[in-house]
C-alpha atoms as a PDB file:
ATOM      1  CA  MET A   1      84.216 -14.462 -27.562  1.00  0.00           C
ATOM      2  CA  GLU A   2      86.574 -12.039 -25.839  1.00  0.00           C
ATOM      3  CA  LEU A   3      89.075 -13.561 -23.383  1.00  0.00           C
ATOM      4  CA  ILE A   4      90.379 -11.487 -20.479  1.00  0.00           C
ATOM      5  CA  SER A   5      93.460 -12.675 -18.590  1.00  0.00           C
ATOM      6  CA  SER A   6      94.510  -9.474 -16.799  1.00  0.00           C
ATOM      7  CA  LEU A   7      93.253  -8.427 -13.371  1.00  0.00           C
ATOM      8  CA  GLN A   8      93.961  -4.832 -14.405  1.00  0.00           C
ATOM      9  CA  ASN A   9      91.435  -4.885 -17.244  1.00  0.00           C
ATOM     10  CA  LYS A  10      88.949  -2.020 -16.738  1.00  0.00           C
ATOM     11  CA  LYS A  11      85.905  -4.284 -17.149  1.00  0.00           C
ATOM     12  CA  ILE A  12      87.244  -6.547 -14.412  1.00  0.00           C
ATOM     13  CA  ARG A  13      88.137  -3.692 -12.065  1.00  0.00           C
ATOM     14  CA  ASP A  14      84.699  -2.103 -12.524  1.00  0.00           C
ATOM     15  CA  ALA A  15      82.964  -5.438 -11.885  1.00  0.00           C
ATOM     16  CA  VAL A  16      84.980  -6.100  -8.720  1.00  0.00           C
ATOM     17  CA  ARG A  17      84.004  -2.678  -7.369  1.00  0.00           C
ATOM     18  CA  LEU A  18      80.369  -3.837  -7.508  1.00  0.00           C
ATOM     19  CA  HIS A  19      81.110  -6.090  -4.528  1.00  0.00           C
ATOM     20  CA  THR A  20      80.811  -2.945  -2.398  1.00  0.00           C
ATOM     21  CA  SER A  21      77.798  -0.735  -1.734  1.00  0.00           C
ATOM     22  CA  ARG A  22      79.800   2.314  -2.780  1.00  0.00           C
ATOM     23  CA  GLY A  23      80.762   0.740  -6.073  1.00  0.00           C
ATOM     24  CA  ARG A  24      77.177  -0.237  -6.853  1.00  0.00           C
ATOM     25  CA  LYS A  25      75.963   3.301  -6.111  1.00  0.00           C
ATOM     26  CA  GLN A  26      78.684   4.938  -8.196  1.00  0.00           C
ATOM     27  CA  GLN A  27      78.006   2.776 -11.242  1.00  0.00           C
ATOM     28  CA  ASN A  28      74.263   2.313 -10.674  1.00  0.00           C
ATOM     29  CA  ARG A  29      74.858  -1.351 -11.437  1.00  0.00           C
ATOM     30  CA  ILE A  30      74.708  -4.635  -9.559  1.00  0.00           C
ATOM     31  CA  ILE A  31      76.624  -7.897  -9.718  1.00  0.00           C
ATOM     32  CA  ILE A  32      74.924 -11.301  -9.849  1.00  0.00           C
ATOM     33  CA  PHE A  33      76.553 -14.630  -9.028  1.00  0.00           C
ATOM     34  CA  GLY A  34      75.324 -18.044 -10.129  1.00  0.00           C
ATOM     35  CA  ALA A  35      73.507 -19.499 -13.135  1.00  0.00           C
ATOM     36  CA  ARG A  36      70.110 -19.765 -11.428  1.00  0.00           C
ATOM     37  CA  GLU A  37      70.179 -16.184 -10.165  1.00  0.00           C
ATOM     38  CA  ILE A  38      71.367 -14.834 -13.523  1.00  0.00           C
ATOM     39  CA  GLN A  39      68.698 -16.775 -15.409  1.00  0.00           C
ATOM     40  CA  ARG A  40      65.960 -15.470 -13.101  1.00  0.00           C
ATOM     41  CA  ALA A  41      67.239 -11.930 -13.574  1.00  0.00           C
ATOM     42  CA  ILE A  42      67.105 -12.330 -17.364  1.00  0.00           C
ATOM     43  CA  VAL A  43      63.596 -13.818 -17.306  1.00  0.00           C
ATOM     44  CA  SER A  44      62.446 -10.950 -15.066  1.00  0.00           C
ATOM     45  CA  GLY A  45      63.650  -8.371 -17.570  1.00  0.00           C
ATOM     46  CA  VAL A  46      66.751  -7.185 -15.739  1.00  0.00           C
ATOM     47  CA  GLN A  47      69.109  -5.503 -18.199  1.00  0.00           C
ATOM     48  CA  ILE A  48      72.340  -7.502 -18.248  1.00  0.00           C
ATOM     49  CA  ALA A  49      75.385  -5.524 -19.363  1.00  0.00           C
ATOM     50  CA  SER A  50      78.070  -8.242 -19.335  1.00  0.00           C
ATOM     51  CA  LEU A  51      78.336 -11.933 -18.560  1.00  0.00           C
ATOM     52  CA  PHE A  52      81.740 -13.177 -17.396  1.00  0.00           C
ATOM     53  CA  VAL A  53      82.313 -16.909 -17.845  1.00  0.00           C
ATOM     54  CA  ASP A  54      85.145 -19.000 -16.455  1.00  0.00           C
ATOM     55  CA  SER A  55      87.163 -20.226 -19.434  1.00  0.00           C
ATOM     56  CA  ASP A  56      86.781 -23.798 -18.102  1.00  0.00           C
ATOM     57  CA  SER A  57      82.969 -23.555 -17.934  1.00  0.00           C
ATOM     58  CA  ASP A  58      80.194 -23.722 -20.493  1.00  0.00           C
ATOM     59  CA  LEU A  59      76.999 -21.708 -20.611  1.00  0.00           C
ATOM     60  CA  PRO A  60      74.155 -23.773 -19.121  1.00  0.00           C
ATOM     61  CA  ALA A  61      71.528 -25.062 -21.522  1.00  0.00           C
ATOM     62  CA  GLY A  62      68.599 -22.700 -21.850  1.00  0.00           C
ATOM     63  CA  LEU A  63      70.412 -19.543 -20.772  1.00  0.00           C
ATOM     64  CA  ASP A  64      69.549 -16.788 -23.256  1.00  0.00           C
ATOM     65  CA  ALA A  65      72.732 -14.800 -23.763  1.00  0.00           C
ATOM     66  CA  ASP A  66      71.417 -12.617 -26.586  1.00  0.00           C
ATOM     67  CA  GLY A  67      71.490  -8.867 -26.086  1.00  0.00           C
ATOM     68  CA  PHE A  68      74.631  -8.561 -23.974  1.00  0.00           C
ATOM     69  CA  GLU A  69      78.328  -9.286 -24.252  1.00  0.00           C
ATOM     70  CA  THR A  70      79.677 -12.613 -23.023  1.00  0.00           C
ATOM     71  CA  ILE A  71      83.301 -12.562 -21.934  1.00  0.00           C
ATOM     72  CA  GLN A  72      85.549 -15.473 -21.048  1.00  0.00           C
ATOM     73  CA  VAL A  73      88.047 -14.941 -18.229  1.00  0.00           C
ATOM     74  CA  THR A  74      90.946 -17.005 -16.979  1.00  0.00           C
ATOM     75  CA  GLU A  75      90.694 -18.874 -13.676  1.00  0.00           C
ATOM     76  CA  ASP A  76      92.609 -16.303 -11.616  1.00  0.00           C
ATOM     77  CA  VAL A  77      90.472 -13.472 -12.995  1.00  0.00           C
ATOM     78  CA  PHE A  78      87.297 -15.411 -12.315  1.00  0.00           C
ATOM     79  CA  GLN A  79      88.328 -16.029  -8.707  1.00  0.00           C
ATOM     80  CA  LYS A  80      88.702 -12.258  -8.309  1.00  0.00           C
ATOM     81  CA  LEU A  81      85.195 -11.728  -9.699  1.00  0.00           C
ATOM     82  CA  ALA A  82      83.543 -14.551  -7.785  1.00  0.00           C
ATOM     83  CA  TYR A  83      81.746 -13.968  -4.485  1.00  0.00           C
ATOM     84  CA  GLY A  84      81.549 -16.836  -1.999  1.00  0.00           C
ATOM     85  CA  ASN A  85      81.350 -20.404  -3.228  1.00  0.00           C
ATOM     86  CA  ARG A  86      78.323 -20.283  -5.526  1.00  0.00           C
ATOM     87  CA  ALA A  87      79.465 -18.501  -8.655  1.00  0.00           C
ATOM     88  CA  GLU A  88      79.007 -21.686 -10.757  1.00  0.00           C
ATOM     89  CA  GLY A  89      81.355 -20.507 -13.454  1.00  0.00           C
ATOM     90  CA  MET A  90      79.592 -17.250 -14.313  1.00  0.00           C
ATOM     91  CA  VAL A  91      79.123 -13.720 -13.003  1.00  0.00           C
ATOM     92  CA  ALA A  92      76.871 -11.057 -14.507  1.00  0.00           C
ATOM     93  CA  VAL A  93      76.931  -7.282 -14.308  1.00  0.00           C
ATOM     94  CA  ALA A  94      73.518  -5.654 -14.691  1.00  0.00           C
ATOM     95  CA  GLU A  95      71.888  -2.246 -14.640  1.00  0.00           C
ATOM     96  CA  ARG A  96      70.226  -1.594 -11.276  1.00  0.00           C
ATOM     97  CA  PRO A  97      66.488  -2.334 -11.571  1.00  0.00           C
ATOM     98  CA  ILE A  98      64.121   0.458 -10.558  1.00  0.00           C
ATOM     99  CA  ARG A  99      61.982  -0.472  -7.560  1.00  0.00           C
ATOM    100  CA  SER A 100      59.548   2.342  -6.751  1.00  0.00           C
ATOM    101  CA  LEU A 101      56.015   2.407  -5.358  1.00  0.00           C
ATOM    102  CA  GLU A 102      54.871   4.026  -8.601  1.00  0.00           C
ATOM    103  CA  GLN A 103      55.828   0.820 -10.406  1.00  0.00           C
ATOM    104  CA  PHE A 104      54.703  -1.546  -7.646  1.00  0.00           C
ATOM    105  CA  ARG A 105      52.173  -3.957  -9.128  1.00  0.00           C
ATOM    106  CA  GLN A 106      51.154  -6.319  -6.342  1.00  0.00           C
ATOM    107  CA  ASN A 107      48.837  -9.275  -6.774  1.00  0.00           C
ATOM    108  CA  ASP A 108      46.071 -10.261  -4.341  1.00  0.00           C
ATOM    109  CA  GLY A 109      48.372 -11.844  -1.751  1.00  0.00           C
ATOM    110  CA  LEU A 110      49.636 -10.416   1.525  1.00  0.00           C
ATOM    111  CA  VAL A 111      52.116  -7.534   1.214  1.00  0.00           C
ATOM    112  CA  LEU A 112      55.139  -7.783   3.499  1.00  0.00           C
ATOM    113  CA  VAL A 113      56.725  -4.516   4.629  1.00  0.00           C
ATOM    114  CA  ALA A 114      60.328  -4.894   5.829  1.00  0.00           C
ATOM    115  CA  GLU A 115      61.568  -1.839   7.729  1.00  0.00           C
ATOM    116  CA  SER A 116      65.293  -1.110   8.085  1.00  0.00           C
ATOM    117  CA  ILE A 117      66.527  -4.698   7.725  1.00  0.00           C
ATOM    118  CA  GLU A 118      70.284  -4.654   8.326  1.00  0.00           C
ATOM    119  CA  LYS A 119      71.455  -8.086   7.191  1.00  0.00           C
ATOM    120  CA  PRO A 120      71.277  -8.849   3.455  1.00  0.00           C
ATOM    121  CA  GLY A 121      70.905 -12.558   4.206  1.00  0.00           C
ATOM    122  CA  ASN A 122      67.739 -11.895   6.206  1.00  0.00           C
ATOM    123  CA  LEU A 123      66.284  -9.737   3.451  1.00  0.00           C
ATOM    124  CA  GLY A 124      67.064 -12.379   0.857  1.00  0.00           C
ATOM    125  CA  ALA A 125      65.426 -15.078   2.989  1.00  0.00           C
ATOM    126  CA  ILE A 126      62.278 -12.927   3.264  1.00  0.00           C
ATOM    127  CA  PHE A 127      62.132 -12.658  -0.523  1.00  0.00           C
ATOM    128  CA  ARG A 128      62.540 -16.407  -0.923  1.00  0.00           C
ATOM    129  CA  THR A 129      59.654 -17.140   1.461  1.00  0.00           C
ATOM    130  CA  ALA A 130      57.477 -14.463  -0.133  1.00  0.00           C
ATOM    131  CA  ASP A 131      57.979 -16.179  -3.472  1.00  0.00           C
ATOM    132  CA  ALA A 132      57.202 -19.601  -1.983  1.00  0.00           C
ATOM    133  CA  THR A 133      53.967 -18.395  -0.390  1.00  0.00           C
ATOM    134  CA  ALA A 134      52.753 -16.386  -3.404  1.00  0.00           C
ATOM    135  CA  ALA A 135      52.856 -13.164  -1.401  1.00  0.00           C
ATOM    136  CA  GLY A 136      51.608 -10.051  -3.132  1.00  0.00           C
ATOM    137  CA  GLY A 137      54.972  -8.357  -2.892  1.00  0.00           C
ATOM    138  CA  ILE A 138      57.533  -6.756  -0.601  1.00  0.00           C
ATOM    139  CA  ILE A 139      57.999  -3.102   0.300  1.00  0.00           C
ATOM    140  CA  VAL A 140      61.474  -2.433   1.682  1.00  0.00           C
ATOM    141  CA  SER A 141      60.901   0.616   3.875  1.00  0.00           C
ATOM    142  CA  GLU A 142      63.728   2.864   5.120  1.00  0.00           C
ATOM    143  CA  PRO A 143      66.336   0.451   3.720  1.00  0.00           C
ATOM    144  CA  VAL A 144      69.584  -0.092   5.586  1.00  0.00           C
ATOM    145  CA  CYS A 145      71.043  -2.843   3.420  1.00  0.00           C
ATOM    146  CA  ASP A 146      70.968  -2.879  -0.365  1.00  0.00           C
ATOM    147  CA  VAL A 147      68.081  -4.868  -1.850  1.00  0.00           C
ATOM    148  CA  PHE A 148      70.564  -6.010  -4.504  1.00  0.00           C
ATOM    149  CA  HIS A 149      73.447  -6.809  -2.164  1.00  0.00           C
ATOM    150  CA  PRO A 150      75.097 -10.026  -3.429  1.00  0.00           C
ATOM    151  CA  ASN A 151      74.112 -11.879  -0.235  1.00  0.00           C
ATOM    152  CA  ALA A 152      70.494 -10.721  -0.566  1.00  0.00           C
ATOM    153  CA  ILE A 153      70.361 -11.967  -4.155  1.00  0.00           C
ATOM    154  CA  ARG A 154      72.018 -15.248  -3.236  1.00  0.00           C
ATOM    155  CA  ASN A 155      69.773 -15.934  -0.218  1.00  0.00           C
ATOM    156  CA  SER A 156      66.715 -15.087  -2.286  1.00  0.00           C
ATOM    157  CA  THR A 157      67.865 -17.528  -5.022  1.00  0.00           C
ATOM    158  CA  GLY A 158      67.145 -14.743  -7.480  1.00  0.00           C
ATOM    159  CA  THR A 159      63.526 -14.165  -6.427  1.00  0.00           C
ATOM    160  CA  THR A 160      64.501 -10.590  -5.540  1.00  0.00           C
ATOM    161  CA  PHE A 161      64.208  -9.988  -9.296  1.00  0.00           C
ATOM    162  CA  SER A 162      60.886 -11.722  -9.946  1.00  0.00           C
ATOM    163  CA  LEU A 163      58.808 -10.650  -6.943  1.00  0.00           C
ATOM    164  CA  PRO A 164      56.878  -7.340  -6.987  1.00  0.00           C
ATOM    165  CA  THR A 165      59.092  -5.031  -4.926  1.00  0.00           C
ATOM    166  CA  ALA A 166      59.305  -1.384  -3.932  1.00  0.00           C
ATOM    167  CA  VAL A 167      61.835   0.620  -1.934  1.00  0.00           C
ATOM    168  CA  ALA A 168      60.406   3.636  -0.109  1.00  0.00           C
ATOM    169  CA  THR A 169      60.374   5.755   3.038  1.00  0.00           C
ATOM    170  CA  ASN A 170      58.011   4.971   5.893  1.00  0.00           C
ATOM    171  CA  GLU A 171      55.854   7.957   5.008  1.00  0.00           C
ATOM    172  CA  GLN A 172      55.564   6.885   1.376  1.00  0.00           C
ATOM    173  CA  THR A 173      54.788   3.313   2.396  1.00  0.00           C
ATOM    174  CA  ILE A 174      52.047   4.282   4.847  1.00  0.00           C
ATOM    175  CA  ALA A 175      50.475   6.656   2.324  1.00  0.00           C
ATOM    176  CA  TRP A 176      50.465   3.931  -0.344  1.00  0.00           C
ATOM    177  CA  LEU A 177      48.927   1.362   2.001  1.00  0.00           C
ATOM    178  CA  ARG A 178      46.179   3.779   3.011  1.00  0.00           C
ATOM    179  CA  GLU A 179      45.467   4.841  -0.567  1.00  0.00           C
ATOM    180  CA  ASN A 180      45.058   1.194  -1.534  1.00  0.00           C
ATOM    181  CA  ASP A 181      42.869   0.275   1.463  1.00  0.00           C
ATOM    182  CA  TYR A 182      45.221  -2.163   3.178  1.00  0.00           C
ATOM    183  CA  ARG A 183      44.703  -3.384   6.716  1.00  0.00           C
ATOM    184  CA  VAL A 184      48.088  -2.912   8.386  1.00  0.00           C
ATOM    185  CA  LEU A 185      49.386  -5.296  11.049  1.00  0.00           C
ATOM    186  CA  VAL A 186      52.647  -4.511  12.837  1.00  0.00           C
ATOM    187  CA  ALA A 187      54.605  -7.473  14.164  1.00  0.00           C
ATOM    188  CA  THR A 188      55.600  -6.951  17.791  1.00  0.00           C
ATOM    189  CA  PRO A 189      55.637  -9.055  20.973  1.00  0.00           C
ATOM    190  CA  GLU A 190      54.139  -6.168  22.980  1.00  0.00           C
ATOM    191  CA  HIS A 191      50.383  -5.770  23.585  1.00  0.00           C
ATOM    192  CA  ALA A 192      49.524  -7.681  20.433  1.00  0.00           C
ATOM    193  CA  ASP A 193      46.946 -10.202  19.238  1.00  0.00           C
ATOM    194  CA  ASP A 194      47.968 -13.796  18.644  1.00  0.00           C
ATOM    195  CA  LEU A 195      48.802 -14.507  14.999  1.00  0.00           C
ATOM    196  CA  TYR A 196      46.452 -17.483  14.902  1.00  0.00           C
ATOM    197  CA  HIS A 197      43.520 -15.320  15.996  1.00  0.00           C
ATOM    198  CA  THR A 198      44.215 -12.688  13.327  1.00  0.00           C
ATOM    199  CA  ARG A 199      42.746 -12.438   9.828  1.00  0.00           C
ATOM    200  CA  LEU A 200      45.510 -12.185   7.214  1.00  0.00           C
ATOM    201  CA  ASN A 201      43.529 -12.602   4.009  1.00  0.00           C
ATOM    202  CA  GLY A 202      42.166  -9.850   1.808  1.00  0.00           C
ATOM    203  CA  ARG A 203      44.082  -6.592   1.436  1.00  0.00           C
ATOM    204  CA  CYS A 204      46.480  -7.043   4.321  1.00  0.00           C
ATOM    205  CA  ALA A 205      50.028  -5.847   4.977  1.00  0.00           C
ATOM    206  CA  VAL A 206      52.298  -7.177   7.730  1.00  0.00           C
ATOM    207  CA  VAL A 207      55.186  -4.982   8.878  1.00  0.00           C
ATOM    208  CA  VAL A 208      58.372  -6.497  10.340  1.00  0.00           C
ATOM    209  CA  GLY A 209      61.285  -4.499  11.705  1.00  0.00           C
ATOM    210  CA  ASN A 210      64.980  -4.175  12.311  1.00  0.00           C
ATOM    211  CA  GLU A 211      66.861  -7.159  13.770  1.00  0.00           C
ATOM    212  CA  ALA A 212      68.137  -5.297  16.835  1.00  0.00           C
ATOM    213  CA  ASN A 213      65.518  -2.652  17.528  1.00  0.00           C
ATOM    214  CA  GLY A 214      62.312  -3.942  15.992  1.00  0.00           C
ATOM    215  CA  LEU A 215      59.892  -1.470  14.450  1.00  0.00           C
ATOM    216  CA  SER A 216      60.388   2.264  14.709  1.00  0.00           C
ATOM    217  CA  GLY A 217      58.040   4.662  16.458  1.00  0.00           C
ATOM    218  CA  THR A 218      56.474   5.536  13.104  1.00  0.00           C
ATOM    219  CA  TRP A 219      54.821   2.125  13.083  1.00  0.00           C
ATOM    220  CA  MET A 220      54.546   1.453  16.815  1.00  0.00           C
ATOM    221  CA  GLN A 221      52.900   4.788  17.576  1.00  0.00           C
ATOM    222  CA  GLY A 222      50.656   4.756  14.542  1.00  0.00           C
ATOM    223  CA  ASN A 223      47.049   3.638  14.565  1.00  0.00           C
ATOM    224  CA  PHE A 224      47.825   0.083  13.431  1.00  0.00           C
ATOM    225  CA  SER A 225      46.752  -3.313  14.715  1.00  0.00           C
ATOM    226  CA  ARG A 226      49.425  -5.409  16.405  1.00  0.00           C
ATOM    227  CA  VAL A 227      50.147  -9.089  15.909  1.00  0.00           C
ATOM    228  CA  LYS A 228      52.580 -11.475  17.596  1.00  0.00           C
ATOM    229  CA  LEU A 229      53.785 -15.032  17.285  1.00  0.00           C
ATOM    230  CA  PRO A 230      52.971 -17.351  20.188  1.00  0.00           C
ATOM    231  CA  MET A 231      56.211 -17.878  22.127  1.00  0.00           C
ATOM    232  CA  SER A 232      56.349 -20.692  24.699  1.00  0.00           C
ATOM    233  CA  GLY A 233      59.986 -20.424  25.798  1.00  0.00           C
ATOM    234  CA  VAL A 234      62.167 -17.758  27.392  1.00  0.00           C
ATOM    235  CA  ALA A 235      62.768 -15.885  24.119  1.00  0.00           C
ATOM    236  CA  ASP A 236      60.168 -13.286  23.188  1.00  0.00           C
ATOM    237  CA  SER A 237      60.861 -13.138  19.453  1.00  0.00           C
ATOM    238  CA  LEU A 238      62.362 -14.940  16.464  1.00  0.00           C
ATOM    239  CA  ASN A 239      64.787 -13.873  13.773  1.00  0.00           C
ATOM    240  CA  VAL A 240      63.020 -11.359  11.511  1.00  0.00           C
ATOM    241  CA  SER A 241      63.167 -13.626   8.452  1.00  0.00           C
ATOM    242  CA  VAL A 242      61.666 -16.504  10.463  1.00  0.00           C
ATOM    243  CA  THR A 243      58.921 -14.247  11.844  1.00  0.00           C
ATOM    244  CA  ALA A 244      58.089 -13.078   8.342  1.00  0.00           C
ATOM    245  CA  ALA A 245      58.067 -16.673   7.098  1.00  0.00           C
ATOM    246  CA  VAL A 246      55.626 -17.868   9.778  1.00  0.00           C
ATOM    247  CA  MET A 247      53.268 -14.985   9.034  1.00  0.00           C
ATOM    248  CA  MET A 248      53.406 -15.421   5.271  1.00  0.00           C
ATOM    249  CA  TYR A 249      52.672 -19.150   5.552  1.00  0.00           C
ATOM    250  CA  GLU A 250      49.760 -18.457   7.887  1.00  0.00           C
ATOM    251  CA  ALA A 251      48.419 -15.984   5.317  1.00  0.00           C
ATOM    252  CA  LEU A 252      48.743 -18.674   2.650  1.00  0.00           C
ATOM    253  CA  ARG A 253      46.963 -21.203   4.877  1.00  0.00           C
ATOM    254  CA  GLN A 254      44.075 -18.811   5.459  1.00  0.00           C
ATOM    255  CA  LYS A 255      43.824 -18.015   1.764  1.00  0.00           C
ATOM    256  CA  ARG A 256      43.661 -21.703   0.842  1.00  0.00           C
ATOM    257  CA  ALA A 257      41.089 -22.393   3.556  1.00  0.00           C
ATOM    258  CA  ALA A 258      38.896 -19.555   2.260  1.00  0.00           C
ATOM    259  CA  ASN A 259      39.048 -20.970  -1.273  1.00  0.00           C
ATOM    260  CA  GLN A 260      38.008 -24.510  -0.317  1.00  0.00           C
END
């Protein structure tokens, strides 16, 4: 196994550049931190290019390292590669997965549309809840943050790789939803029906919007039904990832009730 001890090694410099959006775009690659996230990427068919392992760490049992190079690095090099506090002794570089509507293969659960989410942590949390509730998939519409930002991957615990996902424009998303006969519900506190009086089963898509500005006029001025969470305090809305979580769990509850 190759051992790298120099911070000036080209493989190390290229991997470190993947910490930035610009670097990921230039190389068309992503960087993955943590054994669990890397394993879920591998199982989901993500093409790993290189696996960097701290020279003081061992590969976890069950991790299939066939098909890509595994490189040991010294502690100071690993600290340069690592992102945050959850690298767990390994960092992977992977080819960027393709996430298009043409390849979107949703199941029969609710589809969550996330428009212009700014914070990678929020997007990752939405993925994690979608996985927990067996949602049909996520369409990231008019993306602001990178679906494969390290914080999005980390907050999703790697479910960003396993969940059916597409990245598209609003126009493409709306056309796809209409072509596939989805009922579309836009989440907004204004002039909307209560979530708990709204049917979320069947072919249904819920659209949540940007943290600061909510949904754009494309959705708010379109001919879509509106749904809101009941709010009993002075605040009129929740964090977008929390809103999405409440709606996805209500969809799961309705689905289970219908199957009893």
